[in-house]
C-alpha atoms as a PDB file:
ATOM      1  CA  UNK A   1    -125.467  17.319  -3.516  1.00  0.00           C
ATOM      2  CA  UNK A   2    -122.942  18.028  -0.768  1.00  0.00           C
ATOM      3  CA  UNK A   3    -123.383  21.782  -1.327  1.00  0.00           C
ATOM      4  CA  UNK A   4    -127.163  21.408  -0.983  1.00  0.00           C
ATOM      5  CA  UNK A   5    -126.711  19.401   2.209  1.00  0.00           C
ATOM      6  CA  UNK A   6    -124.402  22.036   3.680  1.00  0.00           C
ATOM      7  CA  UNK A   7    -126.808  24.824   2.708  1.00  0.00           C
ATOM      8  CA  UNK A   8    -129.747  23.057   4.378  1.00  0.00           C
ATOM      9  CA  UNK A   9    -127.649  22.358   7.489  1.00  0.00           C
ATOM     10  CA  UNK A  10    -126.607  26.018   7.704  1.00  0.00           C
ATOM     11  CA  UNK A  11    -130.189  27.263   7.335  1.00  0.00           C
ATOM     12  CA  UNK A  12    -131.354  24.798   9.985  1.00  0.00           C
ATOM     13  CA  UNK A  13    -128.675  26.039  12.412  1.00  0.00           C
ATOM     14  CA  UNK A  14    -129.614  29.664  11.755  1.00  0.00           C
ATOM     15  CA  UNK A  15    -133.315  28.895  12.343  1.00  0.00           C
ATOM     16  CA  UNK A  16    -132.655  27.006  15.580  1.00  0.00           C
ATOM     17  CA  UNK A  17    -130.396  29.779  16.864  1.00  0.00           C
ATOM     18  CA  UNK A  18    -132.936  32.476  16.041  1.00  0.00           C
ATOM     19  CA  UNK A  19    -136.028  30.629  17.278  1.00  0.00           C
ATOM     20  CA  UNK A  20    -135.392  30.989  21.041  1.00  0.00           C
ATOM     21  CA  UNK A  21    -134.746  34.715  20.539  1.00  0.00           C
ATOM     22  CA  UNK A  22    -138.056  35.001  18.724  1.00  0.00           C
ATOM     23  CA  UNK A  23    -139.801  33.193  21.533  1.00  0.00           C
ATOM     24  CA  UNK A  24    -138.114  35.412  24.131  1.00  0.00           C
ATOM     25  CA  UNK A  25    -139.256  38.511  22.294  1.00  0.00           C
ATOM     26  CA  UNK A  26    -142.780  37.154  22.068  1.00  0.00           C
ATOM     27  CA  UNK A  27    -143.158  36.513  25.810  1.00  0.00           C
ATOM     28  CA  UNK A  28    -146.254  38.304  27.081  1.00  0.00           C
ATOM     29  CA  UNK A  29    -145.112  40.352  30.097  1.00  0.00           C
ATOM     30  CA  UNK A  30    -147.515  40.611  33.092  1.00  0.00           C
ATOM     31  CA  UNK A  31    -149.071  43.980  33.886  1.00  0.00           C
ATOM     32  CA  UNK A  32    -147.253  45.957  36.560  1.00  0.00           C
ATOM     33  CA  UNK A  33    -150.536  47.177  38.072  1.00  0.00           C
ATOM     34  CA  UNK A  34    -154.182  46.139  38.040  1.00  0.00           C
ATOM     35  CA  UNK A  35    -157.142  48.292  39.045  1.00  0.00           C
ATOM     36  CA  UNK A  36    -160.006  47.101  41.243  1.00  0.00           C
ATOM     37  CA  UNK A  37    -163.036  48.713  42.887  1.00  0.00           C
ATOM     38  CA  UNK A  38    -164.590  48.358  46.308  1.00  0.00           C
ATOM     39  CA  UNK A  39    -163.429  48.074  49.884  1.00  0.00           C
ATOM     40  CA  UNK A  40    -159.762  47.812  50.785  1.00  0.00           C
ATOM     41  CA  UNK A  41    -157.263  48.829  53.450  1.00  0.00           C
ATOM     42  CA  UNK A  42    -155.282  52.002  52.840  1.00  0.00           C
ATOM     43  CA  UNK A  43    -151.967  52.414  54.668  1.00  0.00           C
ATOM     44  CA  UNK A  44    -150.737  55.595  52.969  1.00  0.00           C
ATOM     45  CA  UNK A  45    -150.949  57.628  56.177  1.00  0.00           C
ATOM     46  CA  UNK A  46    -149.480  55.021  58.544  1.00  0.00           C
ATOM     47  CA  UNK A  47    -146.418  56.639  60.152  1.00  0.00           C
ATOM     48  CA  UNK A  48    -146.116  54.436  63.250  1.00  0.00           C
ATOM     49  CA  UNK A  49    -145.999  50.787  62.147  1.00  0.00           C
ATOM     50  CA  UNK A  50    -144.645  48.441  64.826  1.00  0.00           C
ATOM     51  CA  UNK A  51    -141.877  46.007  63.884  1.00  0.00           C
ATOM     52  CA  UNK A  52    -142.865  42.383  64.426  1.00  0.00           C
ATOM     53  CA  UNK A  53    -140.045  40.107  63.302  1.00  0.00           C
ATOM     54  CA  UNK A  54    -139.665  40.352  59.532  1.00  0.00           C
ATOM     55  CA  UNK A  55    -143.020  42.150  59.194  1.00  0.00           C
ATOM     56  CA  UNK A  56    -144.583  45.310  60.598  1.00  0.00           C
ATOM     57  CA  UNK A  57    -148.076  45.822  61.994  1.00  0.00           C
ATOM     58  CA  UNK A  58    -149.586  48.972  60.508  1.00  0.00           C
ATOM     59  CA  UNK A  59    -152.907  50.474  61.584  1.00  0.00           C
ATOM     60  CA  UNK A  60    -154.675  51.456  58.355  1.00  0.00           C
ATOM     61  CA  UNK A  61    -157.830  53.078  57.038  1.00  0.00           C
ATOM     62  CA  UNK A  62    -160.868  51.290  55.614  1.00  0.00           C
ATOM     63  CA  UNK A  63    -161.756  52.789  52.228  1.00  0.00           C
ATOM     64  CA  UNK A  64    -164.339  52.103  49.523  1.00  0.00           C
ATOM     65  CA  UNK A  65    -163.065  53.452  46.202  1.00  0.00           C
ATOM     66  CA  UNK A  66    -161.125  52.366  43.081  1.00  0.00           C
ATOM     67  CA  UNK A  67    -157.722  51.036  44.060  1.00  0.00           C
ATOM     68  CA  UNK A  68    -154.502  49.815  42.476  1.00  0.00           C
ATOM     69  CA  UNK A  69    -152.346  46.785  43.219  1.00  0.00           C
ATOM     70  CA  UNK A  70    -148.813  46.024  42.055  1.00  0.00           C
ATOM     71  CA  UNK A  71    -149.027  42.469  40.746  1.00  0.00           C
ATOM     72  CA  UNK A  72    -145.544  41.693  42.072  1.00  0.00           C
ATOM     73  CA  UNK A  73    -146.783  42.350  45.629  1.00  0.00           C
ATOM     74  CA  UNK A  74    -149.717  39.899  45.627  1.00  0.00           C
ATOM     75  CA  UNK A  75    -149.175  37.565  48.594  1.00  0.00           C
ATOM     76  CA  UNK A  76    -151.844  34.981  47.740  1.00  0.00           C
ATOM     77  CA  UNK A  77    -149.658  32.628  45.669  1.00  0.00           C
ATOM     78  CA  UNK A  78    -152.484  30.964  43.721  1.00  0.00           C
ATOM     79  CA  UNK A  79    -154.192  34.272  42.934  1.00  0.00           C
ATOM     80  CA  UNK A  80    -150.863  35.844  42.008  1.00  0.00           C
ATOM     81  CA  UNK A  81    -150.136  33.061  39.530  1.00  0.00           C
ATOM     82  CA  UNK A  82    -153.569  33.466  37.908  1.00  0.00           C
ATOM     83  CA  UNK A  83    -153.291  37.265  37.780  1.00  0.00           C
ATOM     84  CA  UNK A  84    -149.815  37.224  36.220  1.00  0.00           C
ATOM     85  CA  UNK A  85    -151.020  34.740  33.615  1.00  0.00           C
ATOM     86  CA  UNK A  86    -154.269  36.505  32.719  1.00  0.00           C
ATOM     87  CA  UNK A  87    -153.288  40.178  33.023  1.00  0.00           C
ATOM     88  CA  UNK A  88    -150.488  40.954  30.578  1.00  0.00           C
ATOM     89  CA  UNK A  89    -149.312  43.906  28.528  1.00  0.00           C
ATOM     90  CA  UNK A  90    -150.502  42.129  25.403  1.00  0.00           C
ATOM     91  CA  UNK A  91    -153.883  41.226  26.918  1.00  0.00           C
ATOM     92  CA  UNK A  92    -154.395  43.679  29.819  1.00  0.00           C
ATOM     93  CA  UNK A  93    -157.106  43.240  32.423  1.00  0.00           C
ATOM     94  CA  UNK A  94    -159.612  46.075  32.643  1.00  0.00           C
ATOM     95  CA  UNK A  95    -161.013  47.351  35.930  1.00  0.00           C
ATOM     96  CA  UNK A  96    -162.111  44.437  38.177  1.00  0.00           C
ATOM     97  CA  UNK A  97    -161.105  41.817  35.603  1.00  0.00           C
ATOM     98  CA  UNK A  98    -158.002  40.646  37.432  1.00  0.00           C
ATOM     99  CA  UNK A  99    -158.387  37.475  39.543  1.00  0.00           C
ATOM    100  CA  UNK A 100    -156.906  39.319  42.522  1.00  0.00           C
ATOM    101  CA  UNK A 101    -159.759  41.845  42.391  1.00  0.00           C
ATOM    102  CA  UNK A 102    -162.321  39.072  42.809  1.00  0.00           C
ATOM    103  CA  UNK A 103    -160.309  37.485  45.616  1.00  0.00           C
ATOM    104  CA  UNK A 104    -160.283  40.785  47.518  1.00  0.00           C
ATOM    105  CA  UNK A 105    -163.951  41.571  46.856  1.00  0.00           C
ATOM    106  CA  UNK A 106    -165.179  38.140  48.002  1.00  0.00           C
ATOM    107  CA  UNK A 107    -162.849  37.668  50.953  1.00  0.00           C
ATOM    108  CA  UNK A 108    -160.922  34.851  49.284  1.00  0.00           C
ATOM    109  CA  UNK A 109    -157.452  36.402  49.541  1.00  0.00           C
ATOM    110  CA  UNK A 110    -155.442  33.638  51.229  1.00  0.00           C
ATOM    111  CA  UNK A 111    -152.032  33.942  52.884  1.00  0.00           C
ATOM    112  CA  UNK A 112    -150.503  30.991  54.778  1.00  0.00           C
ATOM    113  CA  UNK A 113    -153.825  29.104  54.567  1.00  0.00           C
ATOM    114  CA  UNK A 114    -155.758  31.980  56.159  1.00  0.00           C
ATOM    115  CA  UNK A 115    -158.468  33.845  54.231  1.00  0.00           C
ATOM    116  CA  UNK A 116    -158.540  37.599  54.747  1.00  0.00           C
ATOM    117  CA  UNK A 117    -161.522  39.886  54.321  1.00  0.00           C
ATOM    118  CA  UNK A 118    -159.282  42.948  54.105  1.00  0.00           C
ATOM    119  CA  UNK A 119    -156.245  43.591  51.905  1.00  0.00           C
ATOM    120  CA  UNK A 120    -154.006  46.645  51.744  1.00  0.00           C
ATOM    121  CA  UNK A 121    -153.845  48.205  48.288  1.00  0.00           C
ATOM    122  CA  UNK A 122    -153.125  51.660  46.924  1.00  0.00           C
ATOM    123  CA  UNK A 123    -155.615  54.428  46.190  1.00  0.00           C
ATOM    124  CA  UNK A 124    -155.581  58.208  45.898  1.00  0.00           C
ATOM    125  CA  UNK A 125    -157.639  59.096  48.980  1.00  0.00           C
ATOM    126  CA  UNK A 126    -156.259  62.307  50.454  1.00  0.00           C
ATOM    127  CA  UNK A 127    -153.684  62.957  47.752  1.00  0.00           C
ATOM    128  CA  UNK A 128    -154.578  66.643  47.370  1.00  0.00           C
ATOM    129  CA  UNK A 129    -153.194  67.211  50.858  1.00  0.00           C
ATOM    130  CA  UNK A 130    -150.424  64.630  50.524  1.00  0.00           C
ATOM    131  CA  UNK A 131    -149.115  66.327  47.380  1.00  0.00           C
ATOM    132  CA  UNK A 132    -148.504  69.522  49.343  1.00  0.00           C
ATOM    133  CA  UNK A 133    -145.853  67.679  51.371  1.00  0.00           C
ATOM    134  CA  UNK A 134    -142.407  67.576  49.832  1.00  0.00           C
ATOM    135  CA  UNK A 135    -141.220  63.984  49.883  1.00  0.00           C
ATOM    136  CA  UNK A 136    -137.531  63.473  50.621  1.00  0.00           C
ATOM    137  CA  UNK A 137    -135.103  60.653  49.792  1.00  0.00           C
ATOM    138  CA  UNK A 138    -134.097  58.530  52.784  1.00  0.00           C
ATOM    139  CA  UNK A 139    -130.822  56.723  52.191  1.00  0.00           C
ATOM    140  CA  UNK A 140    -129.532  54.847  55.232  1.00  0.00           C
ATOM    141  CA  UNK A 141    -126.008  54.776  53.775  1.00  0.00           C
ATOM    142  CA  UNK A 142    -125.808  58.532  53.218  1.00  0.00           C
ATOM    143  CA  UNK A 143    -123.293  60.434  55.318  1.00  0.00           C
ATOM    144  CA  UNK A 144    -124.887  61.960  58.395  1.00  0.00           C
ATOM    145  CA  UNK A 145    -128.197  60.096  57.957  1.00  0.00           C
ATOM    146  CA  UNK A 146    -130.282  60.037  61.143  1.00  0.00           C
ATOM    147  CA  UNK A 147    -133.635  58.585  60.025  1.00  0.00           C
ATOM    148  CA  UNK A 148    -135.163  55.128  60.268  1.00  0.00           C
ATOM    149  CA  UNK A 149    -133.296  52.132  58.888  1.00  0.00           C
ATOM    150  CA  UNK A 150    -136.469  50.262  57.961  1.00  0.00           C
ATOM    151  CA  UNK A 151    -139.824  51.001  56.359  1.00  0.00           C
ATOM    152  CA  UNK A 152    -143.003  49.041  55.706  1.00  0.00           C
ATOM    153  CA  UNK A 153    -144.312  48.046  52.269  1.00  0.00           C
ATOM    154  CA  UNK A 154    -148.021  47.408  52.663  1.00  0.00           C
ATOM    155  CA  UNK A 155    -149.158  46.813  49.070  1.00  0.00           C
ATOM    156  CA  UNK A 156    -150.825  43.382  48.960  1.00  0.00           C
ATOM    157  CA  UNK A 157    -150.587  42.877  52.719  1.00  0.00           C
ATOM    158  CA  UNK A 158    -153.317  40.892  54.526  1.00  0.00           C
ATOM    159  CA  UNK A 159    -155.258  42.806  57.165  1.00  0.00           C
ATOM    160  CA  UNK A 160    -157.552  42.104  60.118  1.00  0.00           C
ATOM    161  CA  UNK A 161    -160.060  44.224  61.984  1.00  0.00           C
ATOM    162  CA  UNK A 162    -158.987  45.804  65.281  1.00  0.00           C
ATOM    163  CA  UNK A 163    -161.680  44.977  67.840  1.00  0.00           C
ATOM    164  CA  UNK A 164    -161.381  48.240  69.784  1.00  0.00           C
ATOM    165  CA  UNK A 165    -159.179  50.519  67.643  1.00  0.00           C
ATOM    166  CA  UNK A 166    -157.501  53.334  69.596  1.00  0.00           C
ATOM    167  CA  UNK A 167    -157.901  55.417  66.419  1.00  0.00           C
ATOM    168  CA  UNK A 168    -161.391  54.864  64.949  1.00  0.00           C
ATOM    169  CA  UNK A 169    -160.116  56.274  61.652  1.00  0.00           C
ATOM    170  CA  UNK A 170    -157.647  53.378  61.386  1.00  0.00           C
ATOM    171  CA  UNK A 171    -159.651  50.278  62.291  1.00  0.00           C
ATOM    172  CA  UNK A 172    -157.551  47.741  60.357  1.00  0.00           C
ATOM    173  CA  UNK A 173    -154.211  46.160  61.209  1.00  0.00           C
ATOM    174  CA  UNK A 174    -152.136  45.107  58.189  1.00  0.00           C
ATOM    175  CA  UNK A 175    -149.160  42.767  58.299  1.00  0.00           C
ATOM    176  CA  UNK A 176    -146.747  44.556  55.951  1.00  0.00           C
ATOM    177  CA  UNK A 177    -143.381  43.332  54.785  1.00  0.00           C
ATOM    178  CA  UNK A 178    -140.321  45.242  55.958  1.00  0.00           C
ATOM    179  CA  UNK A 179    -137.452  46.532  53.807  1.00  0.00           C
ATOM    180  CA  UNK A 180    -134.216  48.333  54.682  1.00  0.00           C
ATOM    181  CA  UNK A 181    -133.186  49.795  51.334  1.00  0.00           C
ATOM    182  CA  UNK A 182    -133.441  53.556  50.515  1.00  0.00           C
ATOM    183  CA  UNK A 183    -137.057  54.773  50.711  1.00  0.00           C
ATOM    184  CA  UNK A 184    -139.330  57.771  50.235  1.00  0.00           C
ATOM    185  CA  UNK A 185    -139.752  59.988  53.296  1.00  0.00           C
ATOM    186  CA  UNK A 186    -143.518  60.526  53.299  1.00  0.00           C
ATOM    187  CA  UNK A 187    -144.109  61.416  56.943  1.00  0.00           C
ATOM    188  CA  UNK A 188    -144.257  65.206  56.614  1.00  0.00           C
ATOM    189  CA  UNK A 189    -140.971  65.304  54.758  1.00  0.00           C
ATOM    190  CA  UNK A 190    -139.211  63.232  57.401  1.00  0.00           C
ATOM    191  CA  UNK A 191    -137.311  59.929  57.343  1.00  0.00           C
ATOM    192  CA  UNK A 192    -138.521  59.028  60.834  1.00  0.00           C
ATOM    193  CA  UNK A 193    -141.783  57.406  61.881  1.00  0.00           C
ATOM    194  CA  UNK A 194    -143.908  58.438  64.848  1.00  0.00           C
ATOM    195  CA  UNK A 195    -143.934  57.051  68.390  1.00  0.00           C
ATOM    196  CA  UNK A 196    -140.894  54.846  67.811  1.00  0.00           C
ATOM    197  CA  UNK A 197    -142.485  53.144  64.805  1.00  0.00           C
ATOM    198  CA  UNK A 198    -141.613  53.067  61.114  1.00  0.00           C
ATOM    199  CA  UNK A 199    -143.588  54.544  58.239  1.00  0.00           C
ATOM    200  CA  UNK A 200    -145.428  52.838  55.435  1.00  0.00           C
ATOM    201  CA  UNK A 201    -143.640  53.956  52.283  1.00  0.00           C
ATOM    202  CA  UNK A 202    -142.110  52.832  48.990  1.00  0.00           C
ATOM    203  CA  UNK A 203    -138.602  52.333  47.527  1.00  0.00           C
ATOM    204  CA  UNK A 204    -136.672  55.460  46.629  1.00  0.00           C
ATOM    205  CA  UNK A 205    -136.757  54.636  42.890  1.00  0.00           C
ATOM    206  CA  UNK A 206    -140.569  54.842  42.927  1.00  0.00           C
ATOM    207  CA  UNK A 207    -140.652  58.652  43.163  1.00  0.00           C
ATOM    208  CA  UNK A 208    -139.267  61.496  41.035  1.00  0.00           C
ATOM    209  CA  UNK A 209    -138.285  64.019  43.720  1.00  0.00           C
ATOM    210  CA  UNK A 210    -137.403  66.769  41.253  1.00  0.00           C
ATOM    211  CA  UNK A 211    -140.764  66.756  39.480  1.00  0.00           C
ATOM    212  CA  UNK A 212    -142.819  65.531  42.442  1.00  0.00           C
ATOM    213  CA  UNK A 213    -144.404  62.676  40.506  1.00  0.00           C
ATOM    214  CA  UNK A 214    -144.082  58.999  39.677  1.00  0.00           C
ATOM    215  CA  UNK A 215    -141.259  58.101  37.265  1.00  0.00           C
ATOM    216  CA  UNK A 216    -143.411  55.423  35.622  1.00  0.00           C
ATOM    217  CA  UNK A 217    -147.009  55.221  34.342  1.00  0.00           C
ATOM    218  CA  UNK A 218    -149.300  54.987  37.366  1.00  0.00           C
ATOM    219  CA  UNK A 219    -153.001  54.344  36.649  1.00  0.00           C
ATOM    220  CA  UNK A 220    -155.113  57.444  37.169  1.00  0.00           C
ATOM    221  CA  UNK A 221    -152.371  59.702  38.513  1.00  0.00           C
ATOM    222  CA  UNK A 222    -152.767  62.274  35.753  1.00  0.00           C
ATOM    223  CA  UNK A 223    -156.346  62.884  36.917  1.00  0.00           C
ATOM    224  CA  UNK A 224    -155.238  63.253  40.526  1.00  0.00           C
ATOM    225  CA  UNK A 225    -152.687  65.874  39.523  1.00  0.00           C
ATOM    226  CA  UNK A 226    -155.343  67.812  37.621  1.00  0.00           C
ATOM    227  CA  UNK A 227    -157.898  67.557  40.416  1.00  0.00           C
ATOM    228  CA  UNK A 228    -155.406  68.765  43.024  1.00  0.00           C
ATOM    229  CA  UNK A 229    -153.938  71.592  40.932  1.00  0.00           C
ATOM    230  CA  UNK A 230    -155.059  75.204  41.591  1.00  0.00           C
ATOM    231  CA  UNK A 231    -157.926  76.419  39.435  1.00  0.00           C
ATOM    232  CA  UNK A 232    -156.002  78.613  37.006  1.00  0.00           C
ATOM    233  CA  UNK A 233    -154.508  78.640  33.538  1.00  0.00           C
ATOM    234  CA  UNK A 234    -151.106  77.130  32.892  1.00  0.00           C
ATOM    235  CA  UNK A 235    -148.359  79.160  31.192  1.00  0.00           C
ATOM    236  CA  UNK A 236    -148.751  78.928  27.425  1.00  0.00           C
ATOM    237  CA  UNK A 237    -146.085  79.568  24.828  1.00  0.00           C
ATOM    238  CA  UNK A 238    -147.351  79.859  21.239  1.00  0.00           C
ATOM    239  CA  UNK A 239    -145.474  77.712  18.769  1.00  0.00           C
END
């Protein structure tokens, strides 16, 4: 009887020890990116953002096309919580299914109790010309570095309309967060913004400089590469 009791106790201990690991392995991880359609702000070509405390004001374009949003950058806390819960790797949201897409489309994106009609997200407008520029790594701690110390991250940033924009092609002002870690030099292969401002960019780990591509799966990028490539055959080696 004692042997049976010990055996049952041992099995119970093993099960209890293993159960949390099973649960941890079964956690449904949120999607890194969701895809939406419609109007949005595009800050890809914003090289002169003005520092404003812990944020930067970037003048951005107004674009109507499919766009991509990193779920980690959603600034509407309620919408972010819903999106992370509903859009997971196990149950991914299709185009326009994410709660954040609806918030952007209907002007319900709320930051600090203010609803914004415009939100900065990412899309491929102009990438055929952008891809001709060789991006460079900008590391503020590198010996001899002379570029900017800060850069703006505009994904998920709330935006307002500029009443009389000095540049009609950039009629929106987006309040982007500011970072000072190594970043991608996107301003014509430079680490310095224009007119004393800083550039809208991304962290250095978000770009493969050797292969001139993203180091992680980015929705739709394979089509952009094909569309921007010269019209010719690729080298072929028979097996």
